[in-house]
């Protein structure tokens, strides 16, 4: 188990990626959270789409912007999943 974790961490450090974030999707069946999620998602991507129309950007830049917008929106609305593993 520990060796597997070390391999995963080494992989992320060498590729320059951040650790995988798991969000608490248990909130989505609740109508209020689902509506808040949809509205936030729509607002973020509308603003991002307007910004991308104005500027000449590459596909990599676009993907970074989309990924950052989605991650930050999920952090605000859903929060991170708190999962405790049994040993």
N, C-alpha and C. Protein backbone atom coordinates (compact mmCIF):
# COMPACT_ATOMS: atom_id res chain seq x y z
N UNK A 1 0.82 -1.19 0.00
CA UNK A 1 0.00 0.00 0.00
C UNK A 1 0.87 1.26 0.00
N UNK A 2 1.86 1.30 0.87
CA UNK A 2 2.72 2.47 0.96
C UNK A 2 3.57 2.61 -0.31
N UNK A 3 4.04 1.48 -0.83
CA UNK A 3 4.82 1.54 -2.07
C UNK A 3 3.99 2.07 -3.22
N UNK A 4 2.72 1.69 -3.25
CA UNK A 4 1.83 2.18 -4.30
C UNK A 4 1.63 3.69 -4.18
N UNK A 5 1.47 4.19 -2.96
CA UNK A 5 1.33 5.62 -2.74
C UNK A 5 2.58 6.37 -3.16
N UNK A 6 3.75 5.81 -2.84
CA UNK A 6 5.00 6.45 -3.23
C UNK A 6 5.13 6.52 -4.74
N UNK A 7 4.73 5.45 -5.43
CA UNK A 7 4.78 5.45 -6.89
C UNK A 7 3.85 6.51 -7.47
N UNK A 8 2.65 6.61 -6.91
CA UNK A 8 1.71 7.62 -7.39
C UNK A 8 2.24 9.03 -7.16
N UNK A 9 2.80 9.29 -5.98
CA UNK A 9 3.35 10.61 -5.69
C UNK A 9 4.52 10.92 -6.61
N UNK A 10 5.38 9.93 -6.83
CA UNK A 10 6.52 10.14 -7.72
C UNK A 10 6.04 10.46 -9.13
N UNK A 11 5.01 9.78 -9.58
CA UNK A 11 4.46 10.03 -10.92
C UNK A 11 3.97 11.46 -11.03
N UNK A 12 3.26 11.94 -10.02
CA UNK A 12 2.74 13.31 -10.07
C UNK A 12 3.86 14.33 -9.99
N UNK A 13 4.87 14.06 -9.18
CA UNK A 13 5.97 15.01 -9.05
C UNK A 13 6.77 15.10 -10.34
N UNK A 14 6.98 13.97 -11.00
CA UNK A 14 7.80 14.00 -12.22
C UNK A 14 7.04 14.57 -13.40
N UNK A 15 5.73 14.40 -13.45
CA UNK A 15 4.98 14.94 -14.59
C UNK A 15 4.53 16.37 -14.33
N UNK A 16 4.66 16.85 -13.12
CA UNK A 16 4.28 18.22 -12.80
C UNK A 16 2.79 18.39 -12.58
N UNK A 17 2.07 17.30 -12.41
CA UNK A 17 0.63 17.39 -12.18
C UNK A 17 0.35 17.47 -10.69
N UNK A 18 -0.78 18.01 -10.35
CA UNK A 18 -1.18 18.05 -8.95
C UNK A 18 -1.95 16.77 -8.63
N UNK A 19 -2.12 16.53 -7.36
CA UNK A 19 -2.83 15.33 -6.93
C UNK A 19 -4.30 15.39 -7.36
N UNK A 20 -4.86 14.23 -7.57
CA UNK A 20 -6.26 14.12 -7.96
C UNK A 20 -7.15 14.59 -6.81
N UNK A 21 -8.10 15.43 -7.13
CA UNK A 21 -9.02 15.93 -6.11
C UNK A 21 -10.36 15.25 -6.30
N UNK A 22 -10.90 14.74 -5.21
CA UNK A 22 -12.22 14.12 -5.26
C UNK A 22 -13.20 15.05 -4.57
N UNK A 23 -14.31 15.31 -5.26
CA UNK A 23 -15.30 16.23 -4.73
C UNK A 23 -16.49 15.48 -4.18
N UNK A 24 -17.15 16.07 -3.22
CA UNK A 24 -18.28 15.45 -2.54
C UNK A 24 -19.52 15.54 -3.43
N UNK A 25 -19.72 14.55 -4.27
CA UNK A 25 -20.85 14.56 -5.21
C UNK A 25 -22.14 14.09 -4.55
N UNK A 26 -22.08 13.74 -3.27
CA UNK A 26 -23.30 13.34 -2.56
C UNK A 26 -24.27 14.52 -2.43
N UNK A 27 -23.76 15.75 -2.57
CA UNK A 27 -24.62 16.93 -2.49
C UNK A 27 -25.48 17.10 -3.73
N UNK A 28 -25.10 16.50 -4.85
CA UNK A 28 -25.80 16.76 -6.11
C UNK A 28 -27.27 16.32 -6.13
N UNK A 29 -27.68 15.24 -5.47
CA UNK A 29 -29.11 14.92 -5.49
C UNK A 29 -29.99 15.97 -4.80
N UNK A 30 -29.40 16.78 -3.93
CA UNK A 30 -30.17 17.84 -3.26
C UNK A 30 -30.44 18.95 -4.27
N UNK A 31 -31.68 19.33 -4.40
CA UNK A 31 -32.11 20.27 -5.43
C UNK A 31 -31.40 21.61 -5.33
N UNK A 32 -31.24 22.13 -4.13
CA UNK A 32 -30.60 23.44 -3.96
C UNK A 32 -29.15 23.41 -4.42
N UNK A 33 -28.41 22.38 -4.01
CA UNK A 33 -27.00 22.28 -4.41
C UNK A 33 -26.88 22.04 -5.90
N UNK A 34 -27.78 21.25 -6.47
CA UNK A 34 -27.73 20.98 -7.90
C UNK A 34 -27.99 22.25 -8.69
N UNK A 35 -28.96 23.04 -8.28
CA UNK A 35 -29.24 24.31 -8.95
C UNK A 35 -28.08 25.28 -8.82
N UNK A 36 -27.49 25.34 -7.62
CA UNK A 36 -26.33 26.21 -7.41
C UNK A 36 -25.17 25.78 -8.29
N UNK A 37 -24.97 24.46 -8.41
CA UNK A 37 -23.90 23.91 -9.25
C UNK A 37 -24.13 24.29 -10.72
N UNK A 38 -25.35 24.14 -11.20
CA UNK A 38 -25.66 24.45 -12.60
C UNK A 38 -25.47 25.94 -12.90
N UNK A 39 -25.94 26.79 -11.99
CA UNK A 39 -25.82 28.23 -12.19
C UNK A 39 -24.35 28.65 -12.18
N UNK A 40 -23.59 28.13 -11.23
CA UNK A 40 -22.17 28.47 -11.16
C UNK A 40 -21.42 27.99 -12.40
N UNK A 41 -21.74 26.79 -12.83
CA UNK A 41 -21.10 26.24 -14.03
C UNK A 41 -21.42 27.09 -15.25
N UNK A 42 -22.66 27.47 -15.40
CA UNK A 42 -23.07 28.29 -16.53
C UNK A 42 -22.38 29.65 -16.50
N UNK A 43 -22.34 30.29 -15.34
CA UNK A 43 -21.71 31.60 -15.21
C UNK A 43 -20.21 31.55 -15.51
N UNK A 44 -19.53 30.54 -14.97
CA UNK A 44 -18.09 30.43 -15.19
C UNK A 44 -17.76 30.24 -16.66
N UNK A 45 -18.50 29.35 -17.30
CA UNK A 45 -18.17 29.06 -18.69
C UNK A 45 -18.63 30.16 -19.64
N UNK A 46 -19.66 30.90 -19.29
CA UNK A 46 -20.06 32.03 -20.11
C UNK A 46 -18.98 33.12 -20.07
N UNK A 47 -18.48 33.41 -18.87
CA UNK A 47 -17.41 34.40 -18.73
C UNK A 47 -16.15 33.94 -19.44
N UNK A 48 -15.83 32.67 -19.33
CA UNK A 48 -14.65 32.12 -19.99
C UNK A 48 -14.80 32.16 -21.50
N UNK A 49 -15.98 31.85 -21.99
CA UNK A 49 -16.24 31.87 -23.42
C UNK A 49 -16.10 33.29 -23.98
N UNK A 50 -16.61 34.28 -23.26
CA UNK A 50 -16.48 35.67 -23.68
C UNK A 50 -15.01 36.09 -23.72
N UNK A 51 -14.25 35.67 -22.73
CA UNK A 51 -12.83 36.01 -22.67
C UNK A 51 -12.06 35.38 -23.83
N UNK A 52 -12.39 34.13 -24.15
CA UNK A 52 -11.67 33.43 -25.21
C UNK A 52 -12.00 33.98 -26.59
N UNK A 53 -13.18 34.54 -26.76
CA UNK A 53 -13.54 35.14 -28.05
C UNK A 53 -12.70 36.38 -28.33
N UNK A 54 -12.36 37.11 -27.27
CA UNK A 54 -11.62 38.35 -27.43
C UNK A 54 -10.15 38.13 -27.72
N UNK A 55 -9.57 37.07 -27.20
CA UNK A 55 -8.13 36.85 -27.29
C UNK A 55 -7.79 35.73 -28.26
N UNK A 56 -6.60 35.83 -28.84
CA UNK A 56 -6.06 34.75 -29.65
C UNK A 56 -5.28 33.83 -28.71
N UNK A 57 -5.78 32.64 -28.48
CA UNK A 57 -5.12 31.72 -27.56
C UNK A 57 -4.98 30.36 -28.22
N UNK A 58 -4.07 29.55 -27.67
CA UNK A 58 -3.87 28.20 -28.17
C UNK A 58 -4.83 27.25 -27.46
N UNK A 59 -4.92 26.05 -27.96
CA UNK A 59 -5.80 25.05 -27.36
C UNK A 59 -5.33 24.68 -25.96
N UNK A 60 -4.01 24.65 -25.73
CA UNK A 60 -3.49 24.34 -24.40
C UNK A 60 -3.91 25.40 -23.38
N UNK A 61 -3.82 26.66 -23.77
CA UNK A 61 -4.24 27.75 -22.88
C UNK A 61 -5.73 27.64 -22.57
N UNK A 62 -6.52 27.33 -23.60
CA UNK A 62 -7.96 27.18 -23.40
C UNK A 62 -8.25 26.05 -22.42
N UNK A 63 -7.56 24.93 -22.58
CA UNK A 63 -7.80 23.78 -21.72
C UNK A 63 -7.40 24.09 -20.28
N UNK A 64 -6.29 24.81 -20.08
CA UNK A 64 -5.89 25.19 -18.73
C UNK A 64 -6.95 26.07 -18.08
N UNK A 65 -7.46 27.03 -18.82
CA UNK A 65 -8.50 27.93 -18.29
C UNK A 65 -9.76 27.15 -17.92
N UNK A 66 -10.17 26.23 -18.79
CA UNK A 66 -11.37 25.43 -18.52
C UNK A 66 -11.17 24.55 -17.30
N UNK A 67 -10.01 23.90 -17.22
CA UNK A 67 -9.71 23.02 -16.10
C UNK A 67 -9.69 23.79 -14.78
N UNK A 68 -9.05 24.95 -14.77
CA UNK A 68 -8.99 25.76 -13.55
C UNK A 68 -10.37 26.27 -13.14
N UNK A 69 -11.17 26.67 -14.12
CA UNK A 69 -12.51 27.16 -13.82
C UNK A 69 -13.38 26.05 -13.24
N UNK A 70 -13.30 24.87 -13.82
CA UNK A 70 -14.10 23.75 -13.34
C UNK A 70 -13.67 23.32 -11.94
N UNK A 71 -12.37 23.26 -11.71
CA UNK A 71 -11.87 22.85 -10.40
C UNK A 71 -12.25 23.84 -9.32
N UNK A 72 -12.07 25.12 -9.58
CA UNK A 72 -12.40 26.12 -8.55
C UNK A 72 -13.90 26.16 -8.28
N UNK A 73 -14.71 25.97 -9.32
CA UNK A 73 -16.15 25.98 -9.14
C UNK A 73 -16.60 24.77 -8.31
N UNK A 74 -16.02 23.62 -8.57
CA UNK A 74 -16.36 22.42 -7.80
C UNK A 74 -15.92 22.58 -6.34
N UNK A 75 -14.77 23.21 -6.11
CA UNK A 75 -14.32 23.43 -4.74
C UNK A 75 -15.28 24.33 -3.99
N UNK A 76 -15.79 25.35 -4.65
CA UNK A 76 -16.71 26.27 -3.99
C UNK A 76 -18.06 25.64 -3.71
N UNK A 77 -18.61 24.94 -4.68
CA UNK A 77 -19.98 24.44 -4.54
C UNK A 77 -20.03 23.09 -3.83
N UNK A 78 -19.17 22.16 -4.22
CA UNK A 78 -19.28 20.80 -3.71
C UNK A 78 -18.38 20.53 -2.50
N UNK A 79 -17.28 21.20 -2.38
CA UNK A 79 -16.24 20.98 -1.38
C UNK A 79 -15.54 19.64 -1.63
N UNK A 80 -14.42 19.45 -0.98
CA UNK A 80 -13.65 18.22 -1.18
C UNK A 80 -14.28 17.07 -0.41
N UNK A 81 -14.13 15.88 -0.95
CA UNK A 81 -14.68 14.69 -0.32
C UNK A 81 -13.79 14.30 0.85
N UNK A 82 -14.39 14.04 1.98
CA UNK A 82 -13.65 13.61 3.16
C UNK A 82 -13.90 12.13 3.33
N UNK A 83 -12.88 11.35 3.04
CA UNK A 83 -13.03 9.90 3.11
C UNK A 83 -11.90 9.35 3.96
N UNK A 84 -12.26 8.59 4.94
CA UNK A 84 -11.27 8.01 5.81
C UNK A 84 -11.17 6.52 5.51
N UNK A 85 -9.96 6.06 5.27
CA UNK A 85 -9.72 4.66 4.95
C UNK A 85 -9.46 3.87 6.22
N UNK A 86 -9.97 2.66 6.24
CA UNK A 86 -9.72 1.77 7.37
C UNK A 86 -8.39 1.08 7.12
N UNK A 87 -7.64 0.88 8.18
CA UNK A 87 -6.37 0.17 8.04
C UNK A 87 -6.48 -1.22 8.58
